[in-house]
Amino acid sequence: MLKVWGRRNSSNVQKVLWLVGELGLEHEHIPAGGPHGRLNDPEFRRLNPFGLVPAIDDDGVAVWESHAILRYLAERHGGMRFWPDVTTRARIDPWMDWHQSAFQPAFMGGLFWGYFRTPEPQRNWPAIRQATANCARLLEFVDAQLAERSFLGGDDLTLADIPLGSAMYRYLTLDLARPELPNLLRWYDRLTRRPAYREHIMRPFDDLRGRLAF
């Protein structure tokens, strides 16, 4: 059976569980990281020598790093729906890398960490305002791309949507100013109608407020 290791309030773990839910895969979730510990257990270190979540064990196949896991699960279990021909994948892969190199540093590493994870007395407001502006600029680009398509990769949900979609619940929940993003909001509404998204992404995260470490 597929085993998914990680804490449910980790956005990177949530990406993996969302896809697992979309694929309807029977799996076991093993809490690890944060208050659960286990990251230095020999069993976990055999899966990921760097001791970070998420990691999976799929009938003896170990994979770590969230986007590598997404691609692995899509190819092994997703069929043409999530692992189409190479030409179609050329419209999907760039969104995954863009999220990792552009939006995730701006939002998770900048805005979410600087504003939500940092205790209020320690917040660096110039840096928070800059991160807010960076996120807005990037999402205005996404909004324009969604003007003539339902999902980032085309007419249907693909791996292109999962990394950015996993961040949108937190981004749109924070009590900070955001630009007008009508196309992105319509896309987000489509995501919220998916049972796997509601189960694995739309989860409370207030336990992370003001916590620089577990």
N, C-alpha and C. Protein backbone atom coordinates (compact mmCIF):
# COMPACT_ATOMS: atom_id res chain seq x y z
N MET A 1 0.84 -1.20 0.00
CA MET A 1 0.00 0.00 0.00
C MET A 1 0.88 1.25 0.00
N LEU A 2 0.42 2.28 -0.67
CA LEU A 2 1.10 3.57 -0.68
C LEU A 2 1.09 4.17 0.72
N LYS A 3 2.26 4.61 1.18
CA LYS A 3 2.37 5.28 2.46
C LYS A 3 2.86 6.71 2.22
N VAL A 4 2.17 7.67 2.81
CA VAL A 4 2.53 9.08 2.68
C VAL A 4 2.93 9.59 4.05
N TRP A 5 4.17 10.06 4.17
CA TRP A 5 4.70 10.56 5.43
C TRP A 5 4.67 12.08 5.44
N GLY A 6 4.21 12.65 6.55
CA GLY A 6 4.24 14.11 6.68
C GLY A 6 3.13 14.60 7.58
N ARG A 7 3.24 15.87 7.97
CA ARG A 7 2.20 16.49 8.80
C ARG A 7 1.16 17.15 7.89
N ARG A 8 -0.09 17.03 8.26
CA ARG A 8 -1.17 17.48 7.40
C ARG A 8 -1.22 19.00 7.22
N ASN A 9 -0.57 19.75 8.12
CA ASN A 9 -0.59 21.20 7.95
C ASN A 9 0.61 21.70 7.15
N SER A 10 1.38 20.81 6.55
CA SER A 10 2.45 21.19 5.65
C SER A 10 1.87 21.36 4.25
N SER A 11 2.11 22.51 3.63
CA SER A 11 1.57 22.74 2.28
C SER A 11 2.15 21.75 1.28
N ASN A 12 3.40 21.34 1.46
CA ASN A 12 3.99 20.38 0.53
C ASN A 12 3.40 18.99 0.69
N VAL A 13 3.08 18.62 1.91
CA VAL A 13 2.39 17.35 2.13
C VAL A 13 0.97 17.41 1.57
N GLN A 14 0.31 18.55 1.74
CA GLN A 14 -1.05 18.71 1.23
C GLN A 14 -1.12 18.54 -0.28
N LYS A 15 -0.10 19.03 -0.99
CA LYS A 15 -0.07 18.83 -2.45
C LYS A 15 -0.18 17.35 -2.78
N VAL A 16 0.62 16.54 -2.09
CA VAL A 16 0.66 15.11 -2.37
C VAL A 16 -0.66 14.45 -2.01
N LEU A 17 -1.20 14.77 -0.86
CA LEU A 17 -2.46 14.15 -0.44
C LEU A 17 -3.61 14.56 -1.35
N TRP A 18 -3.58 15.79 -1.84
CA TRP A 18 -4.61 16.22 -2.79
C TRP A 18 -4.59 15.35 -4.03
N LEU A 19 -3.40 15.15 -4.61
CA LEU A 19 -3.33 14.30 -5.80
C LEU A 19 -3.72 12.87 -5.47
N VAL A 20 -3.29 12.36 -4.34
CA VAL A 20 -3.69 11.01 -3.93
C VAL A 20 -5.21 10.91 -3.89
N GLY A 21 -5.85 11.97 -3.36
CA GLY A 21 -7.31 11.98 -3.32
C GLY A 21 -7.93 12.05 -4.70
N GLU A 22 -7.37 12.86 -5.58
CA GLU A 22 -7.90 12.95 -6.95
C GLU A 22 -7.78 11.62 -7.67
N LEU A 23 -6.71 10.89 -7.40
CA LEU A 23 -6.50 9.59 -8.05
C LEU A 23 -7.26 8.46 -7.37
N GLY A 24 -7.83 8.74 -6.19
CA GLY A 24 -8.56 7.71 -5.47
C GLY A 24 -7.69 6.55 -5.02
N LEU A 25 -6.44 6.85 -4.64
CA LEU A 25 -5.51 5.80 -4.27
C LEU A 25 -5.69 5.38 -2.81
N GLU A 26 -5.77 4.09 -2.59
CA GLU A 26 -5.75 3.58 -1.23
C GLU A 26 -4.38 3.88 -0.64
N HIS A 27 -4.35 4.43 0.55
CA HIS A 27 -3.06 4.82 1.11
C HIS A 27 -3.14 4.86 2.63
N GLU A 28 -1.96 4.90 3.24
CA GLU A 28 -1.84 5.12 4.67
C GLU A 28 -1.08 6.41 4.89
N HIS A 29 -1.66 7.30 5.68
CA HIS A 29 -0.96 8.54 6.02
C HIS A 29 -0.25 8.33 7.36
N ILE A 30 1.04 8.63 7.38
CA ILE A 30 1.84 8.47 8.59
C ILE A 30 2.27 9.86 9.05
N PRO A 31 1.72 10.37 10.16
CA PRO A 31 2.12 11.70 10.64
C PRO A 31 3.62 11.73 10.95
N ALA A 32 4.29 12.75 10.45
CA ALA A 32 5.72 12.90 10.67
C ALA A 32 6.09 14.36 10.52
N GLY A 33 7.06 14.80 11.30
CA GLY A 33 7.48 16.19 11.27
C GLY A 33 6.72 17.00 12.30
N GLY A 34 7.29 18.16 12.68
CA GLY A 34 6.64 19.00 13.67
C GLY A 34 6.46 18.25 14.97
N PRO A 35 5.26 18.32 15.57
CA PRO A 35 5.04 17.67 16.86
C PRO A 35 5.09 16.15 16.80
N HIS A 36 5.01 15.59 15.59
CA HIS A 36 4.99 14.14 15.45
C HIS A 36 6.39 13.53 15.48
N GLY A 37 7.42 14.35 15.20
CA GLY A 37 8.77 13.81 15.18
C GLY A 37 8.95 12.80 14.06
N ARG A 38 9.75 11.79 14.30
CA ARG A 38 10.01 10.63 13.43
C ARG A 38 10.94 10.93 12.27
N LEU A 39 11.34 12.20 12.08
CA LEU A 39 12.14 12.52 10.90
C LEU A 39 13.55 11.94 10.97
N ASN A 40 14.01 11.62 12.16
CA ASN A 40 15.33 11.01 12.31
C ASN A 40 15.26 9.50 12.51
N ASP A 41 14.06 8.95 12.47
CA ASP A 41 13.93 7.50 12.58
C ASP A 41 14.61 6.83 11.38
N PRO A 42 15.31 5.74 11.60
CA PRO A 42 15.96 5.06 10.47
C PRO A 42 14.99 4.72 9.34
N GLU A 43 13.75 4.34 9.68
CA GLU A 43 12.78 3.99 8.65
C GLU A 43 12.50 5.18 7.75
N PHE A 44 12.37 6.39 8.35
CA PHE A 44 12.10 7.56 7.53
C PHE A 44 13.34 7.98 6.75
N ARG A 45 14.50 7.92 7.38
CA ARG A 45 15.73 8.33 6.69
C ARG A 45 16.04 7.43 5.50
N ARG A 46 15.52 6.23 5.49
CA ARG A 46 15.69 5.38 4.31
C ARG A 46 14.85 5.89 3.15
N LEU A 47 13.76 6.59 3.47
CA LEU A 47 12.93 7.18 2.42
C LEU A 47 13.51 8.50 1.93
N ASN A 48 13.92 9.34 2.86
CA ASN A 48 14.50 10.64 2.52
C ASN A 48 15.71 10.88 3.40
N PRO A 49 16.90 10.78 2.86
CA PRO A 49 18.11 10.95 3.68
C PRO A 49 18.25 12.35 4.25
N PHE A 50 17.51 13.32 3.69
CA PHE A 50 17.58 14.70 4.18
C PHE A 50 16.63 14.96 5.34
N GLY A 51 15.75 14.00 5.63
CA GLY A 51 14.88 14.12 6.80
C GLY A 51 13.80 15.16 6.69
N LEU A 52 13.26 15.36 5.49
CA LEU A 52 12.20 16.35 5.29
C LEU A 52 10.95 15.67 4.74
N VAL A 53 9.79 16.26 5.04
CA VAL A 53 8.54 15.76 4.48
C VAL A 53 8.12 16.67 3.32
N PRO A 54 7.36 16.07 2.39
CA PRO A 54 6.80 14.72 2.38
C PRO A 54 7.78 13.71 1.80
N ALA A 55 7.45 12.47 2.08
CA ALA A 55 8.11 11.34 1.43
C ALA A 55 7.07 10.24 1.29
N ILE A 56 7.23 9.41 0.28
CA ILE A 56 6.29 8.31 0.10
C ILE A 56 7.05 7.00 -0.04
N ASP A 57 6.34 5.93 0.28
CA ASP A 57 6.80 4.57 0.04
C ASP A 57 5.67 3.89 -0.72
N ASP A 58 5.90 3.66 -1.99
CA ASP A 58 4.87 3.06 -2.85
C ASP A 58 5.29 1.63 -3.19
N ASP A 59 4.90 0.71 -2.33
CA ASP A 59 5.27 -0.69 -2.51
C ASP A 59 6.77 -0.85 -2.71
N GLY A 60 7.53 -0.17 -1.85
CA GLY A 60 8.98 -0.30 -1.89
C GLY A 60 9.70 0.76 -2.69
N VAL A 61 8.97 1.59 -3.43
CA VAL A 61 9.58 2.68 -4.18
C VAL A 61 9.52 3.94 -3.32
N ALA A 62 10.67 4.48 -2.95
CA ALA A 62 10.73 5.68 -2.12
C ALA A 62 10.93 6.90 -3.00
N VAL A 63 10.13 7.93 -2.74
CA VAL A 63 10.26 9.19 -3.48
C VAL A 63 10.14 10.33 -2.48
N TRP A 64 10.98 11.36 -2.62
CA TRP A 64 10.91 12.54 -1.77
C TRP A 64 10.95 13.78 -2.66
N GLU A 65 10.65 14.91 -2.06
CA GLU A 65 10.41 16.20 -2.73
C GLU A 65 9.02 16.18 -3.36
N SER A 66 8.21 17.18 -2.98
CA SER A 66 6.78 17.14 -3.31
C SER A 66 6.51 17.09 -4.81
N HIS A 67 7.23 17.86 -5.62
CA HIS A 67 6.93 17.87 -7.05
C HIS A 67 7.41 16.59 -7.72
N ALA A 68 8.51 16.02 -7.23
CA ALA A 68 8.94 14.72 -7.74
C ALA A 68 7.89 13.66 -7.42
N ILE A 69 7.32 13.74 -6.22
CA ILE A 69 6.27 12.79 -5.84
C ILE A 69 5.04 12.96 -6.73
N LEU A 70 4.65 14.21 -7.00
CA LEU A 70 3.50 14.45 -7.86
C LEU A 70 3.71 13.83 -9.24
N ARG A 71 4.88 14.04 -9.81
CA ARG A 71 5.15 13.50 -11.14
C ARG A 71 5.18 11.97 -11.12
N TYR A 72 5.76 11.41 -10.07
CA TYR A 72 5.81 9.95 -9.96
C TYR A 72 4.40 9.37 -9.88
N LEU A 73 3.57 9.91 -8.98
CA LEU A 73 2.22 9.38 -8.82
C LEU A 73 1.41 9.55 -10.09
N ALA A 74 1.58 10.69 -10.75
CA ALA A 74 0.84 10.93 -11.99
C ALA A 74 1.21 9.91 -13.06
N GLU A 75 2.51 9.63 -13.19
CA GLU A 75 2.94 8.69 -14.23
C GLU A 75 2.55 7.26 -13.88
N ARG A 76 2.71 6.90 -12.62
CA ARG A 76 2.44 5.50 -12.25
C ARG A 76 0.96 5.20 -12.11
N HIS A 77 0.18 6.17 -11.62
CA HIS A 77 -1.21 5.88 -11.28
C HIS A 77 -2.24 6.75 -12.00
N GLY A 78 -1.79 7.79 -12.70
CA GLY A 78 -2.74 8.78 -13.21
C GLY A 78 -3.25 8.56 -14.61
N GLY A 79 -2.62 7.68 -15.36
CA GLY A 79 -3.05 7.49 -16.73
C GLY A 79 -2.90 8.77 -17.54
N MET A 80 -3.60 8.84 -18.66
CA MET A 80 -3.49 10.01 -19.54
C MET A 80 -4.05 11.27 -18.89
N ARG A 81 -4.92 11.11 -17.91
CA ARG A 81 -5.52 12.29 -17.30
C ARG A 81 -4.45 13.15 -16.63
N PHE A 82 -3.57 12.54 -15.87
CA PHE A 82 -2.56 13.31 -15.15
C PHE A 82 -1.15 13.13 -15.72
N TRP A 83 -0.95 12.19 -16.63
CA TRP A 83 0.37 12.05 -17.25
C TRP A 83 0.16 11.86 -18.75
N PRO A 84 -0.19 12.94 -19.44
CA PRO A 84 -0.50 12.86 -20.87
C PRO A 84 0.77 12.76 -21.72
N ASP A 85 0.61 12.88 -23.03
CA ASP A 85 1.76 12.81 -23.92
C ASP A 85 2.71 13.97 -23.65
N VAL A 86 3.92 13.83 -24.16
CA VAL A 86 4.98 14.79 -23.82
C VAL A 86 4.65 16.20 -24.31
N THR A 87 3.93 16.31 -25.43
CA THR A 87 3.56 17.64 -25.94
C THR A 87 2.60 18.33 -24.98
N THR A 88 1.64 17.58 -24.46
CA THR A 88 0.70 18.16 -23.51
C THR A 88 1.39 18.49 -22.20
N ARG A 89 2.33 17.63 -21.78
CA ARG A 89 3.04 17.91 -20.54
C ARG A 89 3.87 19.18 -20.63
N ALA A 90 4.22 19.57 -21.83
CA ALA A 90 4.99 20.80 -22.00
C ALA A 90 4.20 22.03 -21.57
N ARG A 91 2.87 21.90 -21.48
CA ARG A 91 2.04 23.01 -20.98
C ARG A 91 1.84 22.92 -19.46
N ILE A 92 2.25 21.80 -18.88
CA ILE A 92 2.01 21.54 -17.46
C ILE A 92 3.26 21.78 -16.62
N ASP A 93 4.36 21.17 -17.03
CA ASP A 93 5.59 21.22 -16.25
C ASP A 93 6.06 22.64 -15.92
N PRO A 94 6.00 23.59 -16.88
CA PRO A 94 6.48 24.93 -16.53
C PRO A 94 5.74 25.56 -15.35
N TRP A 95 4.45 25.28 -15.20
CA TRP A 95 3.70 25.84 -14.07
C TRP A 95 4.20 25.28 -12.75
N MET A 96 4.59 24.02 -12.74
CA MET A 96 5.10 23.42 -11.51
C MET A 96 6.43 24.05 -11.11
N ASP A 97 7.30 24.22 -12.11
CA ASP A 97 8.60 24.83 -11.81
C ASP A 97 8.45 26.31 -11.49
N TRP A 98 7.54 27.00 -12.17
CA TRP A 98 7.29 28.42 -11.88
C TRP A 98 6.84 28.59 -10.44
N HIS A 99 5.96 27.73 -9.98
CA HIS A 99 5.51 27.84 -8.60
C HIS A 99 6.67 27.67 -7.64
N GLN A 100 7.51 26.68 -7.91
CA GLN A 100 8.61 26.40 -6.99
C GLN A 100 9.66 27.50 -6.99
N SER A 101 9.90 28.10 -8.15
CA SER A 101 10.97 29.09 -8.25
C SER A 101 10.49 30.52 -8.04
N ALA A 102 9.20 30.79 -8.25
CA ALA A 102 8.69 32.16 -8.20
C ALA A 102 7.67 32.37 -7.09
N PHE A 103 6.52 31.68 -7.18
CA PHE A 103 5.45 32.00 -6.23
C PHE A 103 5.72 31.45 -4.84
N GLN A 104 6.22 30.24 -4.72
CA GLN A 104 6.44 29.69 -3.39
C GLN A 104 7.42 30.53 -2.57
N PRO A 105 8.55 30.99 -3.15
CA PRO A 105 9.42 31.87 -2.35
C PRO A 105 8.75 33.19 -1.97
N ALA A 106 7.94 33.74 -2.89
CA ALA A 106 7.28 35.01 -2.60
C ALA A 106 6.21 34.85 -1.53
N PHE A 107 5.44 33.76 -1.61
CA PHE A 107 4.33 33.60 -0.67
C PHE A 107 4.74 32.85 0.59
N MET A 108 5.15 31.58 0.45
CA MET A 108 5.45 30.79 1.64
C MET A 108 6.70 31.32 2.35
N GLY A 109 7.74 31.59 1.58
CA GLY A 109 8.98 32.05 2.19
C GLY A 109 8.97 33.51 2.57
N GLY A 110 8.10 34.29 1.93
CA GLY A 110 8.05 35.72 2.20
C GLY A 110 6.83 36.14 2.99
N LEU A 111 5.68 36.14 2.32
CA LEU A 111 4.47 36.68 2.94
C LEU A 111 3.94 35.80 4.07
N PHE A 112 3.75 34.52 3.81
CA PHE A 112 3.15 33.66 4.84
C PHE A 112 4.07 33.53 6.05
N TRP A 113 5.36 33.35 5.79
CA TRP A 113 6.30 33.22 6.90
C TRP A 113 6.46 34.55 7.62
N GLY A 114 6.64 35.61 6.86
CA GLY A 114 6.89 36.91 7.47
C GLY A 114 5.71 37.47 8.22
N TYR A 115 4.50 37.21 7.71
CA TYR A 115 3.30 37.78 8.35
C TYR A 115 2.64 36.80 9.31
N PHE A 116 2.38 35.58 8.86
CA PHE A 116 1.58 34.66 9.66
C PHE A 116 2.42 33.84 10.63
N ARG A 117 3.56 33.35 10.18
CA ARG A 117 4.37 32.49 11.03
C ARG A 117 5.23 33.28 12.02
N THR A 118 5.43 34.56 11.78
CA THR A 118 6.27 35.37 12.66
C THR A 118 5.43 36.04 13.74
N PRO A 119 5.82 35.96 15.01
CA PRO A 119 5.08 36.65 16.07
C PRO A 119 4.98 38.15 15.75
N GLU A 120 3.84 38.72 16.06
CA GLU A 120 3.56 40.11 15.68
C GLU A 120 4.67 41.08 16.08
N PRO A 121 5.24 41.03 17.29
CA PRO A 121 6.28 42.00 17.65
C PRO A 121 7.54 41.90 16.79
N GLN A 122 7.74 40.76 16.15
CA GLN A 122 8.94 40.54 15.36
C GLN A 122 8.74 40.75 13.87
N ARG A 123 7.56 41.11 13.45
CA ARG A 123 7.29 41.24 12.02
C ARG A 123 8.07 42.40 11.40
N ASN A 124 8.59 42.14 10.23
CA ASN A 124 9.31 43.14 9.44
C ASN A 124 8.34 43.69 8.40
N TRP A 125 7.69 44.78 8.71
CA TRP A 125 6.62 45.25 7.85
C TRP A 125 7.07 45.72 6.48
N PRO A 126 8.22 46.36 6.31
CA PRO A 126 8.68 46.65 4.95
C PRO A 126 8.84 45.39 4.10
N ALA A 127 9.39 44.33 4.70
CA ALA A 127 9.55 43.08 3.97
C ALA A 127 8.19 42.44 3.67
N ILE A 128 7.25 42.54 4.60
CA ILE A 128 5.91 41.99 4.38
C ILE A 128 5.21 42.72 3.24
N ARG A 129 5.32 44.05 3.22
CA ARG A 129 4.70 44.82 2.14
C ARG A 129 5.33 44.48 0.79
N GLN A 130 6.64 44.26 0.78
CA GLN A 130 7.29 43.87 -0.47
C GLN A 130 6.84 42.50 -0.92
N ALA A 131 6.73 41.56 0.02
CA ALA A 131 6.26 40.21 -0.32
C ALA A 131 4.82 40.25 -0.81
N THR A 132 4.00 41.10 -0.19
CA THR A 132 2.60 41.25 -0.63
C THR A 132 2.55 41.74 -2.07
N ALA A 133 3.38 42.73 -2.39
CA ALA A 133 3.44 43.26 -3.75
C ALA A 133 3.95 42.21 -4.73
N ASN A 134 4.95 41.44 -4.31
CA ASN A 134 5.48 40.40 -5.19
C ASN A 134 4.42 39.35 -5.51
N CYS A 135 3.67 38.92 -4.50
CA CYS A 135 2.61 37.94 -4.73
C CYS A 135 1.54 38.51 -5.66
N ALA A 136 1.17 39.75 -5.43
CA ALA A 136 0.15 40.38 -6.27
C ALA A 136 0.61 40.43 -7.73
N ARG A 137 1.84 40.82 -7.95
CA ARG A 137 2.36 40.91 -9.32
C ARG A 137 2.33 39.54 -10.00
N LEU A 138 2.76 38.51 -9.30
CA LEU A 138 2.78 37.17 -9.88
C LEU A 138 1.37 36.66 -10.17
N LEU A 139 0.44 36.92 -9.26
CA LEU A 139 -0.92 36.42 -9.46
C LEU A 139 -1.70 37.21 -10.49
N GLU A 140 -1.34 38.46 -10.71
CA GLU A 140 -1.94 39.21 -11.82
C GLU A 140 -1.57 38.56 -13.16
N PHE A 141 -0.35 38.07 -13.25
CA PHE A 141 0.07 37.32 -14.44
C PHE A 141 -0.77 36.05 -14.58
N VAL A 142 -0.95 35.31 -13.49
CA VAL A 142 -1.76 34.09 -13.54
C VAL A 142 -3.19 34.41 -13.94
N ASP A 143 -3.74 35.48 -13.38
CA ASP A 143 -5.11 35.88 -13.69
C ASP A 143 -5.28 36.12 -15.19
N ALA A 144 -4.30 36.75 -15.80
CA ALA A 144 -4.36 37.00 -17.24
C ALA A 144 -4.33 35.68 -18.02
N GLN A 145 -3.53 34.73 -17.56
CA GLN A 145 -3.44 33.44 -18.24
C GLN A 145 -4.74 32.65 -18.14
N LEU A 146 -5.50 32.89 -17.08
CA LEU A 146 -6.74 32.15 -16.87
C LEU A 146 -7.94 32.80 -17.53
N ALA A 147 -7.73 33.85 -18.27
CA ALA A 147 -8.85 34.56 -18.90
C ALA A 147 -9.58 33.70 -19.91
N GLU A 148 -8.87 32.80 -20.57
CA GLU A 148 -9.49 32.01 -21.65
C GLU A 148 -9.36 30.51 -21.41
N ARG A 149 -9.13 30.10 -20.17
CA ARG A 149 -9.05 28.68 -19.88
C ARG A 149 -9.59 28.43 -18.48
N SER A 150 -10.07 27.22 -18.26
CA SER A 150 -10.65 26.88 -16.96
C SER A 150 -9.60 26.55 -15.92
N PHE A 151 -8.51 25.92 -16.38
CA PHE A 151 -7.44 25.52 -15.49
C PHE A 151 -6.10 25.94 -16.10
N LEU A 152 -5.05 25.87 -15.32
CA LEU A 152 -3.78 26.40 -15.80
C LEU A 152 -3.26 25.66 -17.02
N GLY A 153 -3.52 24.36 -17.09
CA GLY A 153 -3.03 23.57 -18.21
C GLY A 153 -4.00 23.42 -19.35
N GLY A 154 -5.21 23.96 -19.21
CA GLY A 154 -6.21 23.82 -20.27
C GLY A 154 -7.61 23.73 -19.70
N ASP A 155 -8.38 22.78 -20.20
CA ASP A 155 -9.79 22.67 -19.82
C ASP A 155 -10.02 21.80 -18.59
N ASP A 156 -9.03 21.04 -18.16
CA ASP A 156 -9.21 20.11 -17.06
C ASP A 156 -8.10 20.29 -16.03
N LEU A 157 -8.38 19.84 -14.81
CA LEU A 157 -7.38 19.86 -13.76
C LEU A 157 -6.19 18.98 -14.14
N THR A 158 -4.98 19.51 -13.96
CA THR A 158 -3.76 18.74 -14.21
C THR A 158 -2.76 19.03 -13.09
N LEU A 159 -1.57 18.47 -13.20
CA LEU A 159 -0.52 18.78 -12.24
C LEU A 159 -0.17 20.26 -12.23
N ALA A 160 -0.46 20.97 -13.31
CA ALA A 160 -0.17 22.41 -13.35
C ALA A 160 -0.89 23.15 -12.23
N ASP A 161 -2.07 22.68 -11.86
CA ASP A 161 -2.90 23.39 -10.88
C ASP A 161 -2.55 23.08 -9.44
N ILE A 162 -1.95 21.93 -9.19
CA ILE A 162 -1.82 21.46 -7.81
C ILE A 162 -0.86 22.30 -6.97
N PRO A 163 0.35 22.64 -7.44
CA PRO A 163 1.23 23.44 -6.57
C PRO A 163 0.63 24.81 -6.22
N LEU A 164 0.21 25.58 -7.22
CA LEU A 164 -0.35 26.90 -6.92
C LEU A 164 -1.68 26.77 -6.19
N GLY A 165 -2.51 25.82 -6.62
CA GLY A 165 -3.80 25.64 -5.96
C GLY A 165 -3.66 25.31 -4.49
N SER A 166 -2.59 24.59 -4.13
CA SER A 166 -2.40 24.23 -2.72
C SER A 166 -2.10 25.45 -1.86
N ALA A 167 -1.60 26.53 -2.48
CA ALA A 167 -1.28 27.75 -1.72
C ALA A 167 -2.45 28.73 -1.66
N MET A 168 -3.42 28.57 -2.55
CA MET A 168 -4.45 29.60 -2.68
C MET A 168 -5.37 29.69 -1.47
N TYR A 169 -5.65 28.57 -0.81
CA TYR A 169 -6.53 28.64 0.36
C TYR A 169 -5.92 29.55 1.41
N ARG A 170 -4.63 29.39 1.66
CA ARG A 170 -3.97 30.24 2.66
C ARG A 170 -3.87 31.68 2.18
N TYR A 171 -3.48 31.86 0.93
CA TYR A 171 -3.33 33.22 0.41
C TYR A 171 -4.64 33.99 0.49
N LEU A 172 -5.72 33.37 0.09
CA LEU A 172 -7.01 34.06 0.04
C LEU A 172 -7.67 34.16 1.41
N THR A 173 -7.12 33.47 2.40
CA THR A 173 -7.66 33.53 3.75
C THR A 173 -6.99 34.60 4.60
N LEU A 174 -5.75 34.95 4.28
CA LEU A 174 -5.04 35.96 5.07
C LEU A 174 -5.74 37.31 4.97
N ASP A 175 -5.76 38.04 6.09
CA ASP A 175 -6.42 39.34 6.12
C ASP A 175 -5.46 40.44 5.66
N LEU A 176 -5.06 40.34 4.40
CA LEU A 176 -4.19 41.32 3.78
C LEU A 176 -4.81 41.77 2.46
N ALA A 177 -4.41 42.94 2.00
CA ALA A 177 -4.94 43.48 0.75
C ALA A 177 -4.47 42.62 -0.43
N ARG A 178 -5.37 42.42 -1.39
CA ARG A 178 -5.07 41.68 -2.60
C ARG A 178 -5.62 42.43 -3.80
N PRO A 179 -5.03 42.23 -4.97
CA PRO A 179 -5.56 42.88 -6.17
C PRO A 179 -6.85 42.19 -6.63
N GLU A 180 -7.55 42.84 -7.55
CA GLU A 180 -8.72 42.22 -8.17
C GLU A 180 -8.24 41.11 -9.11
N LEU A 181 -8.70 39.91 -8.87
CA LEU A 181 -8.25 38.75 -9.65
C LEU A 181 -9.46 37.90 -10.05
N PRO A 182 -10.34 38.40 -10.91
CA PRO A 182 -11.60 37.68 -11.19
C PRO A 182 -11.40 36.31 -11.82
N ASN A 183 -10.45 36.19 -12.73
CA ASN A 183 -10.24 34.88 -13.38
C ASN A 183 -9.63 33.88 -12.41
N LEU A 184 -8.71 34.32 -11.60
CA LEU A 184 -8.12 33.45 -10.60
C LEU A 184 -9.16 33.01 -9.58
N LEU A 185 -10.05 33.91 -9.20
CA LEU A 185 -11.08 33.54 -8.23
C LEU A 185 -12.06 32.53 -8.81
N ARG A 186 -12.35 32.64 -10.10
CA ARG A 186 -13.22 31.63 -10.72
C ARG A 186 -12.51 30.28 -10.75
N TRP A 187 -11.22 30.27 -11.04
CA TRP A 187 -10.43 29.04 -10.99
C TRP A 187 -10.43 28.47 -9.58
N TYR A 188 -10.20 29.32 -8.59
CA TYR A 188 -10.19 28.86 -7.21
C TYR A 188 -11.55 28.27 -6.82
N ASP A 189 -12.62 28.89 -7.27
CA ASP A 189 -13.95 28.36 -6.98
C ASP A 189 -14.11 26.95 -7.55
N ARG A 190 -13.57 26.71 -8.74
CA ARG A 190 -13.63 25.36 -9.31
C ARG A 190 -12.87 24.38 -8.44
N LEU A 191 -11.73 24.81 -7.90
CA LEU A 191 -10.96 23.92 -7.03
C LEU A 191 -11.73 23.58 -5.77
N THR A 192 -12.39 24.57 -5.18
CA THR A 192 -13.08 24.34 -3.91
C THR A 192 -14.27 23.40 -4.05
N ARG A 193 -14.71 23.16 -5.26
CA ARG A 193 -15.82 22.22 -5.47
C ARG A 193 -15.34 20.77 -5.54
N ARG A 194 -14.05 20.57 -5.53
CA ARG A 194 -13.50 19.22 -5.64
C ARG A 194 -13.36 18.63 -4.23
N PRO A 195 -13.94 17.45 -3.98
CA PRO A 195 -13.87 16.86 -2.63
C PRO A 195 -12.45 16.71 -2.11
N ALA A 196 -11.51 16.29 -2.95
CA ALA A 196 -10.14 16.09 -2.48
C ALA A 196 -9.49 17.41 -2.09
N TYR A 197 -9.85 18.48 -2.77
CA TYR A 197 -9.30 19.79 -2.41
C TYR A 197 -9.84 20.23 -1.05
N ARG A 198 -11.13 20.06 -0.88
CA ARG A 198 -11.72 20.46 0.41
C ARG A 198 -11.15 19.63 1.56
N GLU A 199 -10.92 18.36 1.32
CA GLU A 199 -10.44 17.49 2.40
C GLU A 199 -8.99 17.78 2.77
N HIS A 200 -8.14 17.98 1.78
CA HIS A 200 -6.70 18.02 2.05
C HIS A 200 -6.10 19.42 2.04
N ILE A 201 -6.73 20.38 1.38
CA ILE A 201 -6.17 21.73 1.30
C ILE A 201 -6.89 22.71 2.21
N MET A 202 -8.20 22.64 2.25
CA MET A 202 -8.98 23.61 3.02
C MET A 202 -9.06 23.16 4.47
N ARG A 203 -7.91 23.16 5.11
CA ARG A 203 -7.78 22.71 6.48
C ARG A 203 -7.35 23.88 7.37
N PRO A 204 -7.78 23.91 8.61
CA PRO A 204 -7.35 24.98 9.52
C PRO A 204 -5.82 25.00 9.64
N PHE A 205 -5.27 26.20 9.70
CA PHE A 205 -3.82 26.32 9.87
C PHE A 205 -3.46 27.31 10.95
N ASP A 206 -4.41 27.61 11.83
CA ASP A 206 -4.15 28.60 12.87
C ASP A 206 -3.07 28.13 13.85
N ASP A 207 -2.83 26.82 13.92
CA ASP A 207 -1.78 26.34 14.80
C ASP A 207 -0.39 26.77 14.34
N LEU A 208 -0.29 27.32 13.12
CA LEU A 208 0.98 27.82 12.62
C LEU A 208 1.19 29.30 12.94
N ARG A 209 0.17 29.96 13.41
CA ARG A 209 0.27 31.41 13.64
C ARG A 209 1.33 31.73 14.70
N GLY A 210 2.23 32.61 14.31
CA GLY A 210 3.26 33.06 15.25
C GLY A 210 4.26 32.01 15.66
N ARG A 211 4.39 30.94 14.86
CA ARG A 211 5.29 29.85 15.22
C ARG A 211 6.44 29.80 14.23
N LEU A 212 7.60 30.22 14.67
CA LEU A 212 8.78 30.17 13.83
C LEU A 212 9.37 28.77 13.76
N ALA A 213 9.02 27.94 14.73
CA ALA A 213 9.48 26.56 14.75
C ALA A 213 8.52 25.75 15.60
N PHE A 214 8.56 24.43 15.41
CA PHE A 214 7.73 23.56 16.23
C PHE A 214 8.49 23.19 17.50
